[in-house]
Amino acid sequence: MRIRSLPPAIALSFLSCFAAPAAAQAGDSLVIESPDARLVLHPADWARLPQDTMRVQFHEQPAELYAGVPLPALLELIGVRTDSLRGKALSLRLVVEAADGYLVVLTLTDLDPTLGGRRTLLANRVEGQLLPAKEAPFRLLIAGDQRPSRWARNVVALRVRAEPAQ
């Protein structure tokens, strides 16, 4: 993992790009943090990020097309890389936190295309519309999961954690 330090003036300038619009509600934001960085994204920021789609099926329901931002792109915003991992980075984990306290834990190796290679998406739209209230503001999707147990809804935070020193 490479964590980059930015000079304070540049960091403040960067973070000001993600300032909350007056109309945004606290429940619409996403916290992304690592041991060395923290960022809060608001709805207006989402469109400026790389977008992807994933067609998924929940249980016996018809497949639906979700759209959002891949997890690696979100982690890159705070300087966390998910490719070519080695050394201590192999023990890092990502805790995905939902508003109701539901937690999903992934290792960064799940996201590394040369290791786990899991395609992941933090979706904010389904079939071209904003997520319904029961899923909003964001829903985690993980390609290849046979059951949607890790597909958390109402996601409010992504937290990169290191294993405690022994």
C-alpha atoms as a PDB file:
ATOM      1  CA  MET A   1       0.000   0.000   0.000  1.00  0.00           C
ATOM      2  CA  ARG A   2       1.206   3.452  -0.801  1.00  0.00           C
ATOM      3  CA  ILE A   3      -0.151   6.303   1.276  1.00  0.00           C
ATOM      4  CA  ARG A   4       0.773   9.656  -0.114  1.00  0.00           C
ATOM      5  CA  SER A   5       1.114  12.770   1.989  1.00  0.00           C
ATOM      6  CA  LEU A   6       0.060  15.984   0.359  1.00  0.00           C
ATOM      7  CA  PRO A   7       1.274  19.414   1.416  1.00  0.00           C
ATOM      8  CA  PRO A   8      -1.463  21.082   3.546  1.00  0.00           C
ATOM      9  CA  ALA A   9      -2.286  23.740   0.952  1.00  0.00           C
ATOM     10  CA  ILE A  10      -2.813  21.145  -1.776  1.00  0.00           C
ATOM     11  CA  ALA A  11      -4.779  18.848   0.528  1.00  0.00           C
ATOM     12  CA  LEU A  12      -7.129  21.667   1.537  1.00  0.00           C
ATOM     13  CA  SER A  13      -7.583  22.652  -2.086  1.00  0.00           C
ATOM     14  CA  PHE A  14      -8.358  19.034  -2.984  1.00  0.00           C
ATOM     15  CA  LEU A  15     -10.818  18.584  -0.128  1.00  0.00           C
ATOM     16  CA  SER A  16     -12.580  21.848  -0.929  1.00  0.00           C
ATOM     17  CA  CYS A  17     -13.562  20.247  -4.241  1.00  0.00           C
ATOM     18  CA  PHE A  18     -15.662  17.868  -2.166  1.00  0.00           C
ATOM     19  CA  ALA A  19     -17.378  20.438   0.039  1.00  0.00           C
ATOM     20  CA  ALA A  20     -20.963  19.589   0.916  1.00  0.00           C
ATOM     21  CA  PRO A  21     -23.632  21.439  -1.017  1.00  0.00           C
ATOM     22  CA  ALA A  22     -26.103  23.238   1.228  1.00  0.00           C
ATOM     23  CA  ALA A  23     -28.909  20.905   0.168  1.00  0.00           C
ATOM     24  CA  ALA A  24     -27.035  17.699   0.960  1.00  0.00           C
ATOM     25  CA  GLN A  25     -28.230  15.781   3.953  1.00  0.00           C
ATOM     26  CA  ALA A  26     -25.796  14.120   6.337  1.00  0.00           C
ATOM     27  CA  GLY A  27     -27.199  10.704   5.392  1.00  0.00           C
ATOM     28  CA  ASP A  28     -26.185  11.169   1.747  1.00  0.00           C
ATOM     29  CA  SER A  29     -22.446  11.345   2.392  1.00  0.00           C
ATOM     30  CA  LEU A  30     -19.817   8.624   2.323  1.00  0.00           C
ATOM     31  CA  VAL A  31     -16.828   8.563   4.665  1.00  0.00           C
ATOM     32  CA  ILE A  32     -13.677   6.995   3.240  1.00  0.00           C
ATOM     33  CA  GLU A  33     -10.765   6.600   5.622  1.00  0.00           C
ATOM     34  CA  SER A  34      -7.478   4.854   6.183  1.00  0.00           C
ATOM     35  CA  PRO A  35      -5.015   5.111   9.063  1.00  0.00           C
ATOM     36  CA  ASP A  36      -3.447   8.098   7.259  1.00  0.00           C
ATOM     37  CA  ALA A  37      -6.319   9.885   5.494  1.00  0.00           C
ATOM     38  CA  ARG A  38     -10.005  10.739   5.704  1.00  0.00           C
ATOM     39  CA  LEU A  39     -12.383  12.069   3.063  1.00  0.00           C
ATOM     40  CA  VAL A  40     -16.132  12.731   2.987  1.00  0.00           C
ATOM     41  CA  LEU A  41     -17.873  12.495  -0.384  1.00  0.00           C
ATOM     42  CA  HIS A  42     -21.250  14.078  -1.048  1.00  0.00           C
ATOM     43  CA  PRO A  43     -23.811  13.414  -3.814  1.00  0.00           C
ATOM     44  CA  ALA A  44     -22.480  16.211  -6.041  1.00  0.00           C
ATOM     45  CA  ASP A  45     -19.021  14.580  -5.993  1.00  0.00           C
ATOM     46  CA  TRP A  46     -20.251  11.226  -7.277  1.00  0.00           C
ATOM     47  CA  ALA A  47     -20.687  12.232 -10.942  1.00  0.00           C
ATOM     48  CA  ARG A  48     -17.030  13.346 -11.144  1.00  0.00           C
ATOM     49  CA  LEU A  49     -15.772   9.871 -10.245  1.00  0.00           C
ATOM     50  CA  PRO A  50     -15.169   6.942 -12.631  1.00  0.00           C
ATOM     51  CA  GLN A  51     -18.446   5.123 -13.217  1.00  0.00           C
ATOM     52  CA  ASP A  52     -19.156   1.465 -13.915  1.00  0.00           C
ATOM     53  CA  THR A  53     -22.190  -0.808 -14.039  1.00  0.00           C
ATOM     54  CA  MET A  54     -22.999  -4.310 -12.831  1.00  0.00           C
ATOM     55  CA  ARG A  55     -26.028  -6.442 -13.644  1.00  0.00           C
ATOM     56  CA  VAL A  56     -26.997  -8.499 -10.596  1.00  0.00           C
ATOM     57  CA  GLN A  57     -29.821 -10.706  -9.448  1.00  0.00           C
ATOM     58  CA  PHE A  58     -31.077 -10.888  -5.865  1.00  0.00           C
ATOM     59  CA  HIS A  59     -32.526 -14.287  -5.028  1.00  0.00           C
ATOM     60  CA  GLU A  60     -35.356 -15.068  -7.481  1.00  0.00           C
ATOM     61  CA  GLN A  61     -35.886 -11.460  -8.624  1.00  0.00           C
ATOM     62  CA  PRO A  62     -35.183 -10.329 -12.206  1.00  0.00           C
ATOM     63  CA  ALA A  63     -31.632  -9.065 -12.820  1.00  0.00           C
ATOM     64  CA  GLU A  64     -31.182  -5.298 -12.442  1.00  0.00           C
ATOM     65  CA  LEU A  65     -28.505  -2.929 -13.718  1.00  0.00           C
ATOM     66  CA  TYR A  66     -26.721  -1.032 -10.942  1.00  0.00           C
ATOM     67  CA  ALA A  67     -24.371   1.906 -11.556  1.00  0.00           C
ATOM     68  CA  GLY A  68     -21.774   3.466  -9.307  1.00  0.00           C
ATOM     69  CA  VAL A  69     -18.063   3.720  -8.587  1.00  0.00           C
ATOM     70  CA  PRO A  70     -15.643   0.777  -8.320  1.00  0.00           C
ATOM     71  CA  LEU A  71     -14.195   0.377  -4.805  1.00  0.00           C
ATOM     72  CA  PRO A  72     -10.578   0.693  -6.004  1.00  0.00           C
ATOM     73  CA  ALA A  73     -11.343   4.144  -7.458  1.00  0.00           C
ATOM     74  CA  LEU A  74     -12.804   5.284  -4.135  1.00  0.00           C
ATOM     75  CA  LEU A  75      -9.832   3.999  -2.143  1.00  0.00           C
ATOM     76  CA  GLU A  76      -7.420   5.684  -4.553  1.00  0.00           C
ATOM     77  CA  LEU A  77      -8.925   9.043  -3.470  1.00  0.00           C
ATOM     78  CA  ILE A  78      -7.280   8.593  -0.060  1.00  0.00           C
ATOM     79  CA  GLY A  79      -4.055   7.155  -1.479  1.00  0.00           C
ATOM     80  CA  VAL A  80      -4.821   3.467  -0.935  1.00  0.00           C
ATOM     81  CA  ARG A  81      -3.795   1.330  -3.883  1.00  0.00           C
ATOM     82  CA  THR A  82      -5.404  -2.019  -4.591  1.00  0.00           C
ATOM     83  CA  ASP A  83      -3.057  -3.304  -7.282  1.00  0.00           C
ATOM     84  CA  SER A  84       0.305  -5.070  -7.088  1.00  0.00           C
ATOM     85  CA  LEU A  85      -0.020  -5.493  -3.319  1.00  0.00           C
ATOM     86  CA  ARG A  86       2.895  -6.883  -1.341  1.00  0.00           C
ATOM     87  CA  GLY A  87       4.369  -6.834   2.136  1.00  0.00           C
ATOM     88  CA  LYS A  88       2.267  -5.203   4.850  1.00  0.00           C
ATOM     89  CA  ALA A  89      -0.389  -4.220   2.314  1.00  0.00           C
ATOM     90  CA  LEU A  90      -1.353  -7.902   2.069  1.00  0.00           C
ATOM     91  CA  SER A  91      -2.793  -7.735   5.604  1.00  0.00           C
ATOM     92  CA  LEU A  92      -4.956  -4.640   5.075  1.00  0.00           C
ATOM     93  CA  ARG A  93      -8.703  -4.998   5.237  1.00  0.00           C
ATOM     94  CA  LEU A  94     -11.605  -2.846   4.123  1.00  0.00           C
ATOM     95  CA  VAL A  95     -14.546  -2.541   6.494  1.00  0.00           C
ATOM     96  CA  VAL A  96     -17.724  -1.504   4.701  1.00  0.00           C
ATOM     97  CA  GLU A  97     -20.142   0.019   7.195  1.00  0.00           C
ATOM     98  CA  ALA A  98     -23.909   0.374   6.748  1.00  0.00           C
ATOM     99  CA  ALA A  99     -26.141   2.867   8.574  1.00  0.00           C
ATOM    100  CA  ASP A 100     -27.736   0.071  10.628  1.00  0.00           C
ATOM    101  CA  GLY A 101     -24.353  -1.204  11.851  1.00  0.00           C
ATOM    102  CA  TYR A 102     -24.088  -4.061   9.325  1.00  0.00           C
ATOM    103  CA  LEU A 103     -20.423  -4.647   8.508  1.00  0.00           C
ATOM    104  CA  VAL A 104     -18.751  -6.369   5.586  1.00  0.00           C
ATOM    105  CA  VAL A 105     -15.017  -7.068   5.649  1.00  0.00           C
ATOM    106  CA  LEU A 106     -12.939  -7.499   2.499  1.00  0.00           C
ATOM    107  CA  THR A 107      -9.180  -7.787   2.234  1.00  0.00           C
ATOM    108  CA  LEU A 108      -7.459  -5.486  -0.209  1.00  0.00           C
ATOM    109  CA  THR A 109      -6.212  -8.660  -1.893  1.00  0.00           C
ATOM    110  CA  ASP A 110      -9.850  -9.323  -2.880  1.00  0.00           C
ATOM    111  CA  LEU A 111      -9.635  -6.157  -4.989  1.00  0.00           C
ATOM    112  CA  ASP A 112      -6.126  -6.635  -6.428  1.00  0.00           C
ATOM    113  CA  PRO A 113      -6.543  -7.762 -10.063  1.00  0.00           C
ATOM    114  CA  THR A 114      -3.434  -9.972  -9.783  1.00  0.00           C
ATOM    115  CA  LEU A 115      -4.678 -11.753  -6.637  1.00  0.00           C
ATOM    116  CA  GLY A 116      -8.405 -11.963  -5.780  1.00  0.00           C
ATOM    117  CA  GLY A 117      -9.476  -9.790  -8.671  1.00  0.00           C
ATOM    118  CA  ARG A 118     -13.022  -9.310  -7.361  1.00  0.00           C
ATOM    119  CA  ARG A 119     -15.002  -6.754  -9.336  1.00  0.00           C
ATOM    120  CA  THR A 120     -16.725  -4.502  -6.811  1.00  0.00           C
ATOM    121  CA  LEU A 121     -19.047  -1.556  -7.104  1.00  0.00           C
ATOM    122  CA  LEU A 122     -20.449   0.958  -4.659  1.00  0.00           C
ATOM    123  CA  ALA A 123     -23.701   1.710  -6.453  1.00  0.00           C
ATOM    124  CA  ASN A 124     -25.906   4.769  -6.097  1.00  0.00           C
ATOM    125  CA  ARG A 125     -28.301   4.002  -8.986  1.00  0.00           C
ATOM    126  CA  VAL A 126     -30.373   1.065 -10.178  1.00  0.00           C
ATOM    127  CA  GLU A 127     -32.000   0.929 -13.605  1.00  0.00           C
ATOM    128  CA  GLY A 128     -31.053   4.576 -14.155  1.00  0.00           C
ATOM    129  CA  GLN A 129     -32.739   5.873 -10.987  1.00  0.00           C
ATOM    130  CA  LEU A 130     -31.325   6.777  -7.579  1.00  0.00           C
ATOM    131  CA  LEU A 131     -31.417   3.831  -5.193  1.00  0.00           C
ATOM    132  CA  PRO A 132     -34.700   3.402  -3.308  1.00  0.00           C
ATOM    133  CA  ALA A 133     -34.692   4.480   0.350  1.00  0.00           C
ATOM    134  CA  LYS A 134     -34.312   0.880   1.571  1.00  0.00           C
ATOM    135  CA  GLU A 135     -30.902   0.695  -0.196  1.00  0.00           C
ATOM    136  CA  ALA A 136     -29.713   4.329  -0.303  1.00  0.00           C
ATOM    137  CA  PRO A 137     -27.421   6.132  -0.259  1.00  0.00           C
ATOM    138  CA  PHE A 138     -25.066   3.399  -1.515  1.00  0.00           C
ATOM    139  CA  ARG A 139     -25.096  -0.363  -2.020  1.00  0.00           C
ATOM    140  CA  LEU A 140     -22.034  -2.614  -2.131  1.00  0.00           C
ATOM    141  CA  LEU A 141     -22.009  -5.199  -4.928  1.00  0.00           C
ATOM    142  CA  ILE A 142     -19.395  -7.944  -5.328  1.00  0.00           C
ATOM    143  CA  ALA A 143     -19.277  -9.889  -8.583  1.00  0.00           C
ATOM    144  CA  GLY A 144     -19.008 -13.643  -8.217  1.00  0.00           C
ATOM    145  CA  ASP A 145     -20.678 -13.968  -4.814  1.00  0.00           C
ATOM    146  CA  GLN A 146     -23.176 -16.832  -4.973  1.00  0.00           C
ATOM    147  CA  ARG A 147     -25.313 -15.262  -2.228  1.00  0.00           C
ATOM    148  CA  PRO A 148     -25.780 -11.514  -1.700  1.00  0.00           C
ATOM    149  CA  SER A 149     -24.837 -11.651   2.013  1.00  0.00           C
ATOM    150  CA  ARG A 150     -21.953  -9.192   1.532  1.00  0.00           C
ATOM    151  CA  TRP A 151     -23.963  -6.862  -0.694  1.00  0.00           C
ATOM    152  CA  ALA A 152     -24.562  -4.319   2.051  1.00  0.00           C
ATOM    153  CA  ARG A 153     -27.181  -1.625   1.549  1.00  0.00           C
ATOM    154  CA  ASN A 154     -27.307   1.818   3.208  1.00  0.00           C
ATOM    155  CA  VAL A 155     -23.495   2.023   3.086  1.00  0.00           C
ATOM    156  CA  VAL A 156     -22.151   5.116   4.865  1.00  0.00           C
ATOM    157  CA  ALA A 157     -18.417   4.400   5.310  1.00  0.00           C
ATOM    158  CA  LEU A 158     -15.414   2.611   3.850  1.00  0.00           C
ATOM    159  CA  ARG A 159     -12.626   2.145   6.411  1.00  0.00           C
ATOM    160  CA  VAL A 160      -9.228   0.660   5.582  1.00  0.00           C
ATOM    161  CA  ARG A 161      -7.731  -1.002   8.655  1.00  0.00           C
ATOM    162  CA  ALA A 162      -4.353  -2.570   9.318  1.00  0.00           C
ATOM    163  CA  GLU A 163      -3.850  -5.637  11.446  1.00  0.00           C
ATOM    164  CA  PRO A 164      -2.704  -4.645  14.934  1.00  0.00           C
ATOM    165  CA  ALA A 165       0.984  -5.158  15.632  1.00  0.00           C
ATOM    166  CA  GLN A 166       1.678  -8.413  17.460  1.00  0.00           C
END
